[in-house]
Amino acid sequence: MDDYLIDAQIEALMILATEPVSEEDLAQVLEVDLEDIETALQRLVEFYDTHSRGFELRHVGQGWRYYTRAEHEQIIARSVLEGQQGKMTQASLETLAVIAYLQPISRARISAVRGVNVDGVVRTLIARNLVAEVDKDQASGAGLLGTTPYFLERMGLTSLSELPPLAPNLPDASRLDEELRSLAGMNERPADDPQ
């Protein structure tokens, strides 16, 4: 199969995709070698960049997807009626940030970091497929939450290592974890304590 045909078929498949498409899936559907798909994807990325198209092909999460270019943000925003975008509350954003940076993390620890009950917010984040239960705490049996591939996709990231670093004046996650554990230990009373 020649390069033009591979590129055209990839474009046709990518336009229909509702979620990122992996190189392996493209190779299987098009019945070509994985190396040919990887080369074609890079060729398309360069073509769109060189010709200043209104969109770009970007590797996010676990695959490839089309996105509008950032420089066209204002025109896109004008075309969308006010209030039609699902907006996240401040509580949702804060809770999502705690999960993203400290995952895997239990609801109790999220509540301790935020200082409020987060059950409703976590249910909303799970319903939006931004977080999911990824493990169980061995000691307590509590579900541990982490971000999903959809979170990476929506953030335009390939992996969590691309998250921006926490502000320099904030304690790092391990120090914060130690402080939370010590606070939890101070609040626990011995079983024979009469209070």
Protein backbone atom coordinates (compact mmCIF):
# COMPACT_ATOMS: atom_id res chain seq x y z
CA MET A 1 0.00 0.00 0.00
CA ASP A 2 1.45 3.40 -0.94
CA ASP A 3 1.97 6.27 1.52
CA TYR A 4 -0.87 8.40 0.10
CA LEU A 5 -3.40 5.60 0.55
CA ILE A 6 -2.25 4.81 4.10
CA ASP A 7 -2.47 8.51 5.04
CA ALA A 8 -5.94 8.86 3.49
CA GLN A 9 -7.25 5.75 5.22
CA ILE A 10 -5.86 6.86 8.58
CA GLU A 11 -7.56 10.25 8.12
CA ALA A 12 -10.87 8.56 7.26
CA LEU A 13 -10.70 6.39 10.39
CA MET A 14 -9.56 9.22 12.66
CA ILE A 15 -12.42 11.52 11.59
CA LEU A 16 -14.93 8.89 12.73
CA ALA A 17 -13.14 8.11 15.99
CA THR A 18 -14.91 9.12 19.19
CA GLU A 19 -11.88 8.27 21.34
CA PRO A 20 -8.13 8.01 20.74
CA VAL A 21 -7.10 5.27 18.32
CA SER A 22 -3.93 3.27 18.96
CA GLU A 23 -1.26 2.54 16.36
CA GLU A 24 -1.92 -1.17 16.86
CA ASP A 25 -5.63 -0.78 16.06
CA LEU A 26 -4.83 1.23 12.92
CA ALA A 27 -2.29 -1.37 11.78
CA GLN A 28 -4.78 -4.17 12.33
CA VAL A 29 -7.66 -2.47 10.49
CA LEU A 30 -5.51 -1.30 7.57
CA GLU A 31 -3.57 -4.58 7.50
CA VAL A 32 -0.17 -2.88 7.36
CA ASP A 33 2.94 -3.07 9.51
CA LEU A 34 3.02 -1.09 12.76
CA GLU A 35 6.15 0.74 11.56
CA ASP A 36 4.25 1.97 8.47
CA ILE A 37 1.46 3.32 10.70
CA GLU A 38 3.92 5.10 13.01
CA THR A 39 5.65 6.69 9.99
CA ALA A 40 2.30 7.71 8.46
CA LEU A 41 1.12 9.31 11.72
CA GLN A 42 4.31 11.37 11.97
CA ARG A 43 3.95 12.32 8.30
CA LEU A 44 0.38 13.54 8.93
CA VAL A 45 1.43 15.49 12.03
CA GLU A 46 4.17 17.25 10.02
CA PHE A 47 1.79 17.91 7.10
CA TYR A 48 -0.84 19.55 9.30
CA ASP A 49 1.84 21.64 11.05
CA THR A 50 3.52 22.69 7.79
CA HIS A 51 0.24 23.70 6.15
CA SER A 52 -1.14 25.45 9.27
CA ARG A 53 -4.36 23.45 9.29
CA GLY A 54 -7.07 24.43 11.81
CA PHE A 55 -6.60 21.09 13.52
CA GLU A 56 -3.76 18.87 14.59
CA LEU A 57 -3.22 15.16 15.08
CA ARG A 58 -2.03 14.59 18.62
CA HIS A 59 -0.93 11.52 20.62
CA VAL A 60 -2.87 11.53 23.90
CA GLY A 61 -3.72 8.91 26.47
CA GLN A 62 -3.34 5.59 24.71
CA GLY A 63 -3.80 6.65 21.11
CA TRP A 64 -4.15 9.38 18.50
CA ARG A 65 -6.92 11.94 18.02
CA TYR A 66 -7.69 15.14 16.12
CA TYR A 67 -7.85 18.40 18.08
CA THR A 68 -8.48 21.98 17.04
CA ARG A 69 -5.38 24.12 17.28
CA ALA A 70 -5.00 26.31 20.35
CA GLU A 71 -4.61 29.47 18.26
CA HIS A 72 -8.23 29.06 17.11
CA GLU A 73 -9.60 28.91 20.66
CA GLN A 74 -11.42 32.26 20.47
CA ILE A 75 -13.35 31.43 17.32
CA ILE A 76 -14.32 28.03 18.74
CA ALA A 77 -15.48 29.66 21.98
CA ARG A 78 -17.58 32.17 20.05
CA SER A 79 -19.26 29.38 18.11
CA VAL A 80 -20.37 27.55 21.23
CA LEU A 81 -23.42 28.99 22.93
CA GLU A 82 -22.85 30.17 26.48
CA GLY A 83 -23.61 27.51 29.08
CA GLN A 84 -23.61 24.54 26.73
CA GLN A 85 -20.22 23.32 27.87
CA GLY A 86 -20.19 21.12 30.94
CA LYS A 87 -18.31 23.18 33.49
CA MET A 88 -16.68 21.75 36.56
CA THR A 89 -17.19 23.31 39.95
CA GLN A 90 -14.27 24.55 42.01
CA ALA A 91 -14.79 21.60 44.37
CA SER A 92 -14.59 19.16 41.44
CA LEU A 93 -11.41 20.75 40.11
CA GLU A 94 -9.76 20.71 43.54
CA THR A 95 -10.74 17.09 44.17
CA LEU A 96 -9.56 16.05 40.71
CA ALA A 97 -6.21 17.75 41.32
CA VAL A 98 -5.77 15.93 44.64
CA ILE A 99 -6.51 12.60 42.96
CA ALA A 100 -4.24 13.31 39.98
CA TYR A 101 -1.23 14.23 42.11
CA LEU A 102 -1.64 11.78 45.02
CA GLN A 103 -3.10 8.70 43.30
CA PRO A 104 -3.89 6.03 44.20
CA ILE A 105 -5.79 7.69 47.04
CA SER A 106 -8.80 6.83 49.21
CA ARG A 107 -11.85 9.05 49.65
CA ALA A 108 -10.92 9.51 53.31
CA ARG A 109 -7.49 10.88 52.39
CA ILE A 110 -9.01 13.18 49.77
CA SER A 111 -11.42 14.47 52.42
CA ALA A 112 -8.51 15.01 54.81
CA VAL A 113 -6.56 16.99 52.22
CA ARG A 114 -9.55 19.12 51.21
CA GLY A 115 -11.02 19.39 54.71
CA VAL A 116 -14.54 18.53 53.54
CA ASN A 117 -16.59 15.46 52.63
CA VAL A 118 -15.92 14.63 48.98
CA ASP A 119 -18.33 11.73 48.38
CA GLY A 120 -20.68 13.69 46.10
CA VAL A 121 -17.84 15.27 44.15
CA VAL A 122 -16.11 11.91 43.69
CA ARG A 123 -19.38 10.38 42.42
CA THR A 124 -19.57 13.18 39.84
CA LEU A 125 -15.95 12.65 38.74
CA ILE A 126 -16.59 8.90 38.41
CA ALA A 127 -19.78 9.58 36.41
CA ARG A 128 -17.77 11.83 34.08
CA ASN A 129 -15.20 9.02 33.69
CA LEU A 130 -12.36 11.24 34.92
CA VAL A 131 -11.53 9.00 37.90
CA ALA A 132 -12.12 5.35 38.75
CA GLU A 133 -11.34 2.87 41.48
CA VAL A 134 -7.92 1.48 40.59
CA ASP A 135 -7.05 -0.64 43.63
CA LYS A 136 -7.97 -1.55 47.21
CA ASP A 137 -6.09 -0.48 50.32
CA GLN A 138 -4.71 -3.69 51.86
CA ALA A 139 -5.11 -2.50 55.45
CA SER A 140 -8.57 -0.95 55.33
CA GLY A 141 -10.12 -2.44 52.20
CA ALA A 142 -11.03 1.07 51.06
CA GLY A 143 -11.20 1.68 47.34
CA LEU A 144 -8.29 3.68 45.96
CA LEU A 145 -9.02 6.19 43.24
CA GLY A 146 -6.93 7.23 40.27
CA THR A 147 -7.38 9.10 37.03
CA THR A 148 -8.56 7.39 33.84
CA PRO A 149 -7.22 7.37 30.28
CA TYR A 150 -10.14 9.72 29.48
CA PHE A 151 -8.71 12.21 32.02
CA LEU A 152 -5.39 12.14 30.13
CA GLU A 153 -7.22 12.60 26.85
CA ARG A 154 -9.24 15.57 28.11
CA MET A 155 -6.11 17.16 29.56
CA GLY A 156 -4.18 16.56 26.32
CA LEU A 157 -1.56 14.44 28.09
CA THR A 158 0.12 11.17 27.22
CA SER A 159 1.02 10.28 30.81
CA LEU A 160 0.75 11.64 34.34
CA SER A 161 4.43 12.58 34.24
CA GLU A 162 3.37 15.48 31.99
CA LEU A 163 1.29 17.08 34.76
CA PRO A 164 2.79 20.44 35.70
CA PRO A 165 4.89 20.35 38.87
CA LEU A 166 3.26 21.46 42.08
CA ALA A 167 4.10 24.97 43.15
CA PRO A 168 7.52 25.18 44.82
CA ASN A 169 6.05 26.45 48.10
CA LEU A 170 3.74 23.45 48.53
CA PRO A 171 4.91 20.38 50.42
CA ASP A 172 5.68 17.41 48.20
CA ALA A 173 3.20 14.54 48.12
CA SER A 174 5.23 12.24 50.41
CA ARG A 175 5.59 14.93 53.09
CA LEU A 176 1.88 15.72 52.84
CA ASP A 177 1.11 12.02 53.16
CA GLU A 178 3.25 11.78 56.33
CA GLU A 179 1.47 14.80 57.83
CA LEU A 180 -1.94 13.30 57.08
CA ARG A 181 -0.98 9.98 58.64
CA SER A 182 0.30 11.70 61.78
CA LEU A 183 -2.91 13.73 62.05
CA ALA A 184 -4.98 10.58 61.62
CA GLY A 185 -2.92 8.89 64.35
CA MET A 186 -3.50 11.80 66.74
CA ASN A 187 -7.25 11.53 66.26
CA GLU A 188 -7.37 7.80 67.03
CA ARG A 189 -8.00 6.85 70.66
CA PRO A 190 -6.97 3.60 72.28
CA ALA A 191 -9.82 1.09 72.66
CA ASP A 192 -9.67 1.33 76.47
CA ASP A 193 -9.83 5.17 76.47
CA PRO A 194 -13.03 6.09 78.42
CA GLN A 195 -13.72 9.16 76.25
